[in-house]
Amino acid sequence: MNKIETLKQFLTKHFLDLDNDGYSGESIMHPPFELSPRDYLQFAELELESTKHNHLSLINCVSHIKRAMDCQIETFFYSYNLYTFFKNKRLGIDKKLEFLRESGVFSSRSLSRLNSIRNKMEHEFEVPKIQDIELYYDLVSAFISILESHILMLEIYAESNWYLKGDDDYLRFSIAFSIKEPIIKASWRSKKENVVELVTNLNEITEFAYFLKAFFLISKTYIHSSKNYIISQINN
């Protein structure tokens, strides 16, 4: 059984019954960029608020929104020490968005809509319509907010520990993201079973993306009261 199926089966079987036993965080890495995603959004907002929506203003607005999105993706990767990996691989925006989708950061439907609008405005050589730009702006704003929350998550929930105390057994589970390597490690042990430790890194990009998805979902238990939702996404 591969790592993904091993982790999926364990969480499906036990996570509903586990209680949290504490979190710990890591200091995130801040990129050396002079401008932030929010700066570019502000530039776009100034263009949108202009009373003169001429061709240059509309095209500039689209460029600012695109840069805001690109900058947020790079900021996210930098915070999780993934920036060098993606840079060296020379992967384009579509591959980066695919990784974020596989990691459960942003939904497939939202990304498809975002890409559709982006491609229409960038590749059809038309002056963008103000309605399309406003929708593009709203989607990218939401995208940036979501990635910001996932960056903050690392400061608080880099490692989470769980336990299940029963009459005849005692089960412990942990999942952790280590920035330095970077690696994701999931492990569990009980009196009845041997210790199981699953470790994945960027050399196993498919496994890494799934483990990152599990890491994010488990970290979000402080928001989602229903563990059933988390299990449904683990198996999605």
Protein backbone atom coordinates (compact mmCIF):
# COMPACT_ATOMS: atom_id res chain seq x y z
CA MET A 1 0.00 0.00 0.00
CA ASN A 2 1.40 3.43 -0.93
CA LYS A 3 1.77 6.37 1.44
CA ILE A 4 -1.36 8.16 0.28
CA GLU A 5 -3.61 5.14 0.78
CA THR A 6 -1.99 4.32 4.13
CA LEU A 7 -2.64 7.80 5.49
CA LYS A 8 -6.11 7.96 3.93
CA GLN A 9 -7.17 4.65 5.49
CA PHE A 10 -5.84 5.59 8.92
CA LEU A 11 -7.60 8.97 8.99
CA THR A 12 -10.84 7.52 7.63
CA LYS A 13 -10.82 4.87 10.34
CA HIS A 14 -9.69 6.92 13.35
CA PHE A 15 -9.88 10.70 12.88
CA LEU A 16 -13.51 11.08 13.95
CA ASP A 17 -12.60 9.64 17.37
CA LEU A 18 -9.34 11.53 17.92
CA ASP A 19 -9.08 14.48 20.31
CA ASN A 20 -6.61 17.29 19.86
CA ASP A 21 -3.56 17.25 22.13
CA GLY A 22 -1.97 20.56 21.14
CA TYR A 23 -0.38 22.52 18.30
CA SER A 24 3.00 24.10 17.70
CA GLY A 25 4.13 26.52 15.01
CA GLU A 26 7.18 27.46 12.95
CA SER A 27 8.47 30.86 11.95
CA ILE A 28 7.57 31.44 8.34
CA MET A 29 10.02 32.71 5.74
CA HIS A 30 9.23 36.15 4.34
CA PRO A 31 10.15 36.84 0.70
CA PRO A 32 12.46 39.77 -0.12
CA PHE A 33 9.96 41.30 -2.54
CA GLU A 34 9.68 45.09 -2.64
CA LEU A 35 5.98 44.91 -3.49
CA SER A 36 3.32 42.66 -2.01
CA PRO A 37 0.18 41.14 -3.52
CA ARG A 38 -1.88 43.70 -1.62
CA ASP A 39 0.13 46.52 -3.21
CA TYR A 40 -0.80 45.28 -6.68
CA LEU A 41 -4.44 44.91 -5.66
CA GLN A 42 -4.37 48.49 -4.45
CA PHE A 43 -2.96 49.63 -7.80
CA ALA A 44 -5.78 47.77 -9.55
CA GLU A 45 -8.37 49.25 -7.22
CA LEU A 46 -7.18 52.76 -8.03
CA GLU A 47 -7.65 52.03 -11.71
CA LEU A 48 -11.14 50.62 -11.07
CA GLU A 49 -12.13 53.67 -9.06
CA SER A 50 -11.02 56.00 -11.83
CA THR A 51 -13.86 57.81 -13.55
CA LYS A 52 -12.06 57.42 -16.88
CA HIS A 53 -12.08 53.77 -17.91
CA ASN A 54 -10.03 54.20 -21.06
CA HIS A 55 -8.23 51.35 -22.82
CA LEU A 56 -4.91 51.96 -21.08
CA SER A 57 -6.52 52.14 -17.65
CA LEU A 58 -8.40 48.86 -18.17
CA ILE A 59 -5.35 47.03 -19.51
CA ASN A 60 -3.21 48.33 -16.64
CA CYS A 61 -5.84 47.13 -14.19
CA VAL A 62 -5.71 43.61 -15.60
CA SER A 63 -1.91 43.64 -15.40
CA HIS A 64 -1.99 44.69 -11.75
CA ILE A 65 -4.47 41.95 -10.85
CA LYS A 66 -2.37 39.33 -12.63
CA ARG A 67 0.76 40.50 -10.80
CA ALA A 68 -1.13 40.38 -7.50
CA MET A 69 -2.01 36.74 -8.15
CA ASP A 70 1.50 35.80 -9.30
CA CYS A 71 3.07 37.57 -6.33
CA GLN A 72 0.78 35.79 -3.87
CA ILE A 73 1.62 32.40 -5.31
CA GLU A 74 5.36 33.11 -5.02
CA THR A 75 4.87 34.48 -1.49
CA PHE A 76 3.06 31.28 -0.51
CA PHE A 77 5.78 29.09 -1.99
CA TYR A 78 8.48 31.16 -0.31
CA SER A 79 6.78 30.88 3.08
CA TYR A 80 6.67 27.09 2.80
CA ASN A 81 10.21 26.87 1.38
CA LEU A 82 8.88 25.63 -1.97
CA TYR A 83 9.98 28.67 -3.97
CA THR A 84 13.38 27.36 -5.12
CA PHE A 85 11.92 24.01 -6.16
CA PHE A 86 9.30 25.56 -8.45
CA LYS A 87 11.76 28.14 -9.76
CA ASN A 88 14.36 25.51 -10.67
CA LYS A 89 11.72 23.37 -12.35
CA ARG A 90 10.68 26.43 -14.39
CA LEU A 91 7.05 25.52 -13.96
CA GLY A 92 4.48 27.93 -15.33
CA ILE A 93 1.41 29.39 -13.69
CA ASP A 94 -0.84 26.50 -14.74
CA LYS A 95 1.40 23.90 -13.06
CA LYS A 96 1.62 26.04 -9.92
CA LEU A 97 -2.15 26.38 -9.77
CA GLU A 98 -2.49 22.63 -10.33
CA PHE A 99 -0.26 22.03 -7.31
CA LEU A 100 -2.39 24.39 -5.21
CA ARG A 101 -5.50 22.54 -6.36
CA GLU A 102 -3.99 19.13 -5.54
CA SER A 103 -3.02 20.50 -2.11
CA GLY A 104 -6.60 21.54 -1.46
CA VAL A 105 -5.75 25.23 -1.16
CA PHE A 106 -8.22 26.43 -3.79
CA SER A 107 -11.17 24.56 -5.32
CA SER A 108 -11.09 23.22 -8.86
CA ARG A 109 -14.25 25.09 -9.81
CA SER A 110 -12.93 28.45 -8.61
CA LEU A 111 -9.59 27.92 -10.31
CA SER A 112 -11.27 26.98 -13.58
CA ARG A 113 -13.34 30.14 -13.48
CA LEU A 114 -10.29 32.21 -12.60
CA ASN A 115 -8.25 30.71 -15.43
CA SER A 116 -11.09 31.16 -17.91
CA ILE A 117 -11.31 34.88 -17.19
CA ARG A 118 -7.52 35.29 -17.15
CA ASN A 119 -7.06 33.49 -20.47
CA LYS A 120 -9.86 35.44 -22.12
CA MET A 121 -8.35 38.78 -21.16
CA GLU A 122 -4.74 37.81 -21.88
CA HIS A 123 -5.00 35.86 -25.12
CA GLU A 124 -7.93 37.17 -27.14
CA PHE A 125 -6.37 40.61 -27.74
CA GLU A 126 -9.54 42.44 -26.78
CA VAL A 127 -9.97 45.43 -24.55
CA PRO A 128 -11.27 43.87 -21.33
CA LYS A 129 -14.78 44.73 -20.21
CA ILE A 130 -15.15 46.42 -16.84
CA GLN A 131 -17.54 43.69 -15.66
CA ASP A 132 -14.97 40.98 -16.41
CA ILE A 133 -12.24 42.96 -14.66
CA GLU A 134 -14.36 43.43 -11.54
CA LEU A 135 -15.07 39.69 -11.41
CA TYR A 136 -11.36 38.94 -11.99
CA TYR A 137 -10.49 41.36 -9.19
CA ASP A 138 -12.94 39.72 -6.77
CA LEU A 139 -11.70 36.20 -7.54
CA VAL A 140 -8.04 37.16 -7.15
CA SER A 141 -8.82 39.02 -3.91
CA ALA A 142 -10.43 35.86 -2.55
CA PHE A 143 -7.50 33.78 -3.81
CA ILE A 144 -5.03 36.06 -2.01
CA SER A 145 -6.99 35.96 1.24
CA ILE A 146 -7.10 32.16 1.16
CA LEU A 147 -3.35 31.85 0.58
CA GLU A 148 -2.69 34.38 3.33
CA SER A 149 -4.67 32.23 5.76
CA HIS A 150 -2.68 29.16 4.76
CA ILE A 151 0.58 31.01 5.35
CA LEU A 152 -0.61 32.08 8.81
CA MET A 153 -1.55 28.48 9.51
CA LEU A 154 2.12 27.50 9.50
CA GLU A 155 2.89 29.99 12.29
CA ILE A 156 0.42 28.20 14.57
CA TYR A 157 -0.24 24.68 13.31
CA ALA A 158 3.04 23.43 11.84
CA GLU A 159 2.59 20.33 14.02
CA SER A 160 -0.61 19.00 15.52
CA ASN A 161 -0.95 16.07 17.88
CA TRP A 162 -3.97 13.89 18.52
CA TYR A 163 -4.90 11.06 20.87
CA LEU A 164 -7.55 8.43 21.52
CA LYS A 165 -7.68 6.93 24.98
CA GLY A 166 -9.66 3.72 25.29
CA ASP A 167 -10.12 0.97 27.83
CA ASP A 168 -7.63 -1.37 26.21
CA ASP A 169 -5.57 0.82 23.93
CA TYR A 170 -3.99 4.26 23.58
CA LEU A 171 -3.58 5.74 20.14
CA ARG A 172 -1.48 8.79 19.27
CA PHE A 173 -1.26 10.58 15.91
CA SER A 174 0.71 13.59 14.69
CA ILE A 175 1.20 15.41 11.42
CA ALA A 176 3.88 18.05 10.92
CA PHE A 177 5.32 20.30 8.23
CA SER A 178 9.04 21.03 8.53
CA ILE A 179 10.08 24.18 6.66
CA LYS A 180 13.82 23.50 6.67
CA GLU A 181 13.79 20.44 4.39
CA PRO A 182 10.82 20.78 3.52
CA ILE A 183 9.10 17.53 4.49
CA ILE A 184 5.72 16.45 5.80
CA LYS A 185 5.61 13.67 8.37
CA ALA A 186 2.56 11.76 9.58
CA SER A 187 2.99 9.17 12.31
CA TRP A 188 0.92 7.13 14.72
CA ARG A 189 1.41 4.49 17.37
CA SER A 190 -0.65 2.41 19.76
CA LYS A 191 -0.17 -0.45 22.18
CA LYS A 192 -1.60 -2.90 19.70
CA GLU A 193 0.27 -1.72 16.60
CA ASN A 194 3.83 -0.92 15.65
CA VAL A 195 4.84 2.67 15.08
CA VAL A 196 3.95 3.87 11.59
CA GLU A 197 5.88 6.85 10.19
CA LEU A 198 5.23 8.30 6.75
CA VAL A 199 7.56 10.99 5.41
CA THR A 200 7.32 12.70 2.05
CA ASN A 201 9.25 15.46 0.31
CA LEU A 202 9.27 17.32 -2.99
CA ASN A 203 10.93 14.40 -4.76
CA GLU A 204 7.53 12.72 -4.40
CA ILE A 205 5.44 15.63 -5.62
CA THR A 206 2.14 13.72 -5.87
CA GLU A 207 2.46 12.34 -2.35
CA PHE A 208 3.72 15.68 -1.07
CA ALA A 209 0.68 17.51 -2.47
CA TYR A 210 -1.73 15.01 -0.89
CA PHE A 211 0.03 15.13 2.48
CA LEU A 212 -0.07 18.92 2.32
CA LYS A 213 -3.81 18.71 1.67
CA ALA A 214 -4.23 16.45 4.73
CA PHE A 215 -2.04 18.79 6.77
CA PHE A 216 -4.21 21.79 5.84
CA LEU A 217 -7.49 19.97 6.48
CA ILE A 218 -6.41 18.72 9.90
CA SER A 219 -5.10 22.17 10.81
CA LYS A 220 -8.53 23.60 9.99
CA THR A 221 -10.31 21.64 12.72
CA TYR A 222 -10.27 24.84 14.74
CA ILE A 223 -12.71 26.21 12.11
CA HIS A 224 -14.71 23.16 11.02
CA SER A 225 -16.75 21.66 13.83
CA SER A 226 -17.65 18.69 11.63
CA LYS A 227 -14.90 16.12 11.25
CA ASN A 228 -17.13 14.38 8.71
CA TYR A 229 -16.41 17.22 6.29
CA ILE A 230 -12.66 16.79 6.75
CA ILE A 231 -12.90 13.03 6.19
CA SER A 232 -14.97 13.60 3.04
CA GLN A 233 -12.21 15.85 1.67
CA ILE A 234 -9.49 13.41 2.70
CA ASN A 235 -11.19 10.85 0.49
CA ASN A 236 -11.93 13.28 -2.34
